[in-house]
Amino acid sequence: MLAKDIKYFIAINPTKESALEKGFKWVWIFEKENKGGVIEENDYELEFESKVIDNRIKTFKISERFCAIIPKEFIILTIESMGKAEINRKEKSVGIKGNVSGGEIKLLTREQVFKLLGKPYSQKIENEFIEYTYRFSLKDNERESKHRKKVGALFRYNKKSQEIEYIECDISGFKLKFDFTKNKREE
């Protein structure tokens, strides 16, 4: 996958851009949004960095916090498949195929998510589940100041078992959904 393909699908201008000898470096920083003036002790930004040399992505770094939103094994599968991805510009989609390395996806506990992402933006309690929502906004830069890009994540936990059932994330319009109840129903 070429640099222009990544920028086309992400559709977000980087927060920082710098020149390298035969290319450039892009950095995207998303600041955590807090509701009602909540102040947290830690900085919970999401950061992505990409180095592009000769129009090809050579490195792509993702902050560990992002692994709370999208399981690490899925991120690895996606990166490993990038060179073989099927690009559909008409539908603005990328298709990848493969198996998650090592078999099962290791799901984070609620406490691990809180440690990585801090306090949720909102919480919703229903009869059988608890949902936590997180919101992040692209750190201001001149090109994006009018229309800030967002990252959102929703985590649904079973109230009784405390196990995660569902993760939904939206990365500036690129949506992913992980339903972990399907495997449990099949057992």
Protein backbone atom coordinates (compact mmCIF):
# COMPACT_ATOMS: atom_id res chain seq x y z
CA MET A 1 0.00 0.00 0.00
CA LEU A 2 1.39 3.40 -0.97
CA ALA A 3 1.39 6.54 1.16
CA LYS A 4 -1.27 8.17 -1.04
CA ASP A 5 -3.58 5.17 -0.41
CA ILE A 6 -3.24 5.52 3.36
CA LYS A 7 -3.93 9.25 3.27
CA TYR A 8 -6.92 8.66 0.96
CA PHE A 9 -8.57 6.12 3.27
CA ILE A 10 -7.72 7.83 6.54
CA ALA A 11 -8.84 11.20 5.10
CA ILE A 12 -7.22 13.04 8.01
CA ASN A 13 -4.41 15.52 7.62
CA PRO A 14 -1.64 14.85 10.14
CA THR A 15 -1.27 16.99 13.26
CA LYS A 16 2.44 17.29 12.47
CA GLU A 17 4.30 16.75 9.22
CA SER A 18 8.09 16.87 8.80
CA ALA A 19 10.50 16.24 5.95
CA LEU A 20 12.95 13.32 5.95
CA GLU A 21 15.89 12.72 3.58
CA LYS A 22 13.84 10.74 1.00
CA GLY A 23 10.37 11.19 2.38
CA PHE A 24 8.43 12.54 5.31
CA LYS A 25 6.96 11.74 8.71
CA TRP A 26 3.29 12.12 9.64
CA VAL A 27 2.04 12.28 13.23
CA TRP A 28 -1.62 12.25 14.25
CA ILE A 29 -2.46 13.12 17.87
CA PHE A 30 -5.96 12.71 19.26
CA GLU A 31 -6.74 14.41 22.57
CA LYS A 32 -9.12 12.75 25.00
CA GLU A 33 -12.39 14.58 25.62
CA ASN A 34 -13.74 14.72 29.15
CA LYS A 35 -17.30 15.52 30.14
CA GLY A 36 -18.21 18.15 32.70
CA GLY A 37 -14.71 19.47 33.37
CA VAL A 38 -13.34 16.15 34.65
CA ILE A 39 -9.59 16.48 35.17
CA GLU A 40 -7.41 13.37 35.10
CA GLU A 41 -3.91 12.88 36.46
CA ASN A 42 -2.54 11.22 33.30
CA ASP A 43 -2.39 12.25 29.66
CA TYR A 44 -4.57 9.88 27.62
CA GLU A 45 -3.77 11.00 24.07
CA LEU A 46 -3.81 8.54 21.17
CA GLU A 47 -0.82 8.98 18.87
CA PHE A 48 0.00 7.48 15.48
CA GLU A 49 3.24 8.03 13.59
CA SER A 50 4.13 7.01 10.06
CA LYS A 51 7.44 7.37 8.21
CA VAL A 52 7.21 7.34 4.43
CA ILE A 53 10.33 6.81 2.30
CA ASP A 54 10.12 6.77 -1.53
CA ASN A 55 6.30 6.92 -1.31
CA ARG A 56 6.15 3.68 0.71
CA ILE A 57 5.27 3.37 4.38
CA LYS A 58 8.38 2.13 6.19
CA THR A 59 7.21 2.41 9.80
CA PHE A 60 3.87 2.82 11.49
CA LYS A 61 3.76 3.35 15.27
CA ILE A 62 0.59 3.18 17.33
CA SER A 63 0.29 4.21 20.96
CA GLU A 64 -0.39 1.30 23.30
CA ARG A 65 -3.66 2.96 24.35
CA PHE A 66 -5.08 2.25 20.92
CA CYS A 67 -4.88 -1.50 21.70
CA ALA A 68 -7.68 -0.93 24.20
CA ILE A 69 -9.95 0.18 21.35
CA ILE A 70 -8.91 -2.32 18.67
CA PRO A 71 -7.49 -5.68 19.82
CA LYS A 72 -3.73 -5.93 19.26
CA GLU A 73 -4.03 -9.13 17.22
CA PHE A 74 -6.36 -7.43 14.74
CA ILE A 75 -3.93 -4.50 14.36
CA ILE A 76 -1.07 -6.94 13.63
CA LEU A 77 -3.18 -8.83 11.07
CA THR A 78 -4.11 -5.56 9.37
CA ILE A 79 -0.51 -4.34 9.15
CA GLU A 80 0.76 -7.73 7.93
CA SER A 81 -1.93 -7.73 5.21
CA MET A 82 -1.41 -4.16 3.96
CA GLY A 83 0.81 -5.15 1.06
CA LYS A 84 -1.85 -7.62 -0.12
CA ALA A 85 -4.90 -5.48 0.60
CA GLU A 86 -7.64 -5.21 -2.00
CA ILE A 87 -8.37 -1.51 -2.51
CA ASN A 88 -11.81 -0.48 -3.71
CA ARG A 89 -11.75 3.27 -4.35
CA LYS A 90 -15.40 3.31 -5.49
CA GLU A 91 -16.63 2.06 -2.11
CA LYS A 92 -13.69 3.61 -0.23
CA SER A 93 -12.84 0.30 1.42
CA VAL A 94 -9.87 -1.94 2.00
CA GLY A 95 -10.29 -5.71 2.14
CA ILE A 96 -7.91 -7.97 4.03
CA LYS A 97 -7.98 -11.70 4.63
CA GLY A 98 -6.17 -13.80 7.17
CA ASN A 99 -6.25 -15.48 10.52
CA VAL A 100 -5.41 -13.78 13.77
CA SER A 101 -1.90 -14.84 14.80
CA GLY A 102 -1.87 -17.12 17.81
CA GLY A 103 -5.55 -18.05 17.59
CA GLU A 104 -7.78 -16.18 20.01
CA ILE A 105 -7.95 -12.45 20.55
CA LYS A 106 -6.87 -11.48 24.06
CA LEU A 107 -9.56 -9.17 25.39
CA LEU A 108 -8.80 -6.49 27.92
CA THR A 109 -10.62 -6.38 31.23
CA ARG A 110 -12.55 -3.28 32.20
CA GLU A 111 -9.77 -2.34 34.64
CA GLN A 112 -7.15 -2.62 31.86
CA VAL A 113 -9.23 -0.36 29.60
CA PHE A 114 -9.59 2.20 32.42
CA LYS A 115 -5.82 2.08 33.02
CA LEU A 116 -5.06 2.71 29.32
CA LEU A 117 -7.83 5.23 28.56
CA GLY A 118 -8.76 6.73 31.93
CA LYS A 119 -12.30 7.67 32.90
CA PRO A 120 -14.95 7.22 30.21
CA TYR A 121 -16.69 10.18 28.60
CA SER A 122 -20.04 8.61 29.51
CA GLN A 123 -21.49 5.51 31.12
CA LYS A 124 -24.82 3.78 30.48
CA ILE A 125 -26.21 1.03 32.70
CA GLU A 126 -28.94 -1.28 31.39
CA ASN A 127 -30.48 -4.46 32.80
CA GLU A 128 -27.83 -6.85 31.46
CA PHE A 129 -24.90 -4.65 30.47
CA ILE A 130 -22.80 -1.56 31.17
CA GLU A 131 -21.54 0.63 28.32
CA TYR A 132 -18.59 3.02 28.49
CA THR A 133 -17.97 5.60 25.77
CA TYR A 134 -14.69 7.38 25.03
CA ARG A 135 -14.14 10.34 22.71
CA PHE A 136 -10.97 11.81 21.22
CA SER A 137 -10.46 14.80 18.89
CA LEU A 138 -7.60 15.42 16.50
CA LYS A 139 -5.26 17.92 18.05
CA ASP A 140 -5.72 21.28 16.33
CA ASN A 141 -3.71 22.13 13.32
CA GLU A 142 -4.46 24.94 10.90
CA ARG A 143 -5.89 22.74 8.13
CA GLU A 144 -8.39 20.91 10.34
CA SER A 145 -9.40 23.63 12.83
CA LYS A 146 -12.96 24.11 11.47
CA HIS A 147 -13.84 20.42 11.24
CA ARG A 148 -12.09 18.47 13.99
CA LYS A 149 -11.78 14.77 13.26
CA LYS A 150 -12.85 12.32 15.94
CA VAL A 151 -12.12 8.89 17.34
CA GLY A 152 -14.86 7.27 19.39
CA ALA A 153 -15.08 3.96 21.18
CA LEU A 154 -17.90 2.16 22.92
CA PHE A 155 -17.26 -0.81 25.22
CA ARG A 156 -20.14 -3.05 26.37
CA TYR A 157 -19.60 -5.35 29.35
CA ASN A 158 -21.92 -8.03 30.71
CA LYS A 159 -23.10 -6.75 34.08
CA LYS A 160 -23.13 -10.18 35.72
CA SER A 161 -19.95 -11.81 34.33
CA GLN A 162 -18.02 -8.50 33.88
CA GLU A 163 -16.79 -9.85 30.50
CA ILE A 164 -16.56 -7.64 27.45
CA GLU A 165 -19.27 -8.38 24.88
CA TYR A 166 -18.81 -5.72 22.24
CA ILE A 167 -16.47 -2.97 21.05
CA GLU A 168 -17.45 -0.39 18.46
CA CYS A 169 -15.02 2.24 17.24
CA ASP A 170 -15.23 5.07 14.77
CA ILE A 171 -11.98 6.55 13.50
CA SER A 172 -13.15 9.66 11.68
CA GLY A 173 -15.80 7.72 9.74
CA PHE A 174 -13.89 4.43 9.45
CA LYS A 175 -16.01 2.09 11.58
CA LEU A 176 -15.11 -1.23 13.15
CA LYS A 177 -17.33 -3.48 15.25
CA PHE A 178 -16.22 -6.46 17.32
CA ASP A 179 -18.98 -8.72 18.69
CA PHE A 180 -17.53 -11.20 21.16
CA THR A 181 -20.89 -12.75 22.09
CA LYS A 182 -21.15 -14.74 18.82
CA ASN A 183 -18.39 -17.20 19.81
CA LYS A 184 -19.96 -17.67 23.24
CA ARG A 185 -23.37 -18.47 21.71
CA GLU A 186 -21.79 -21.11 19.45
CA GLU A 187 -20.10 -22.93 22.35
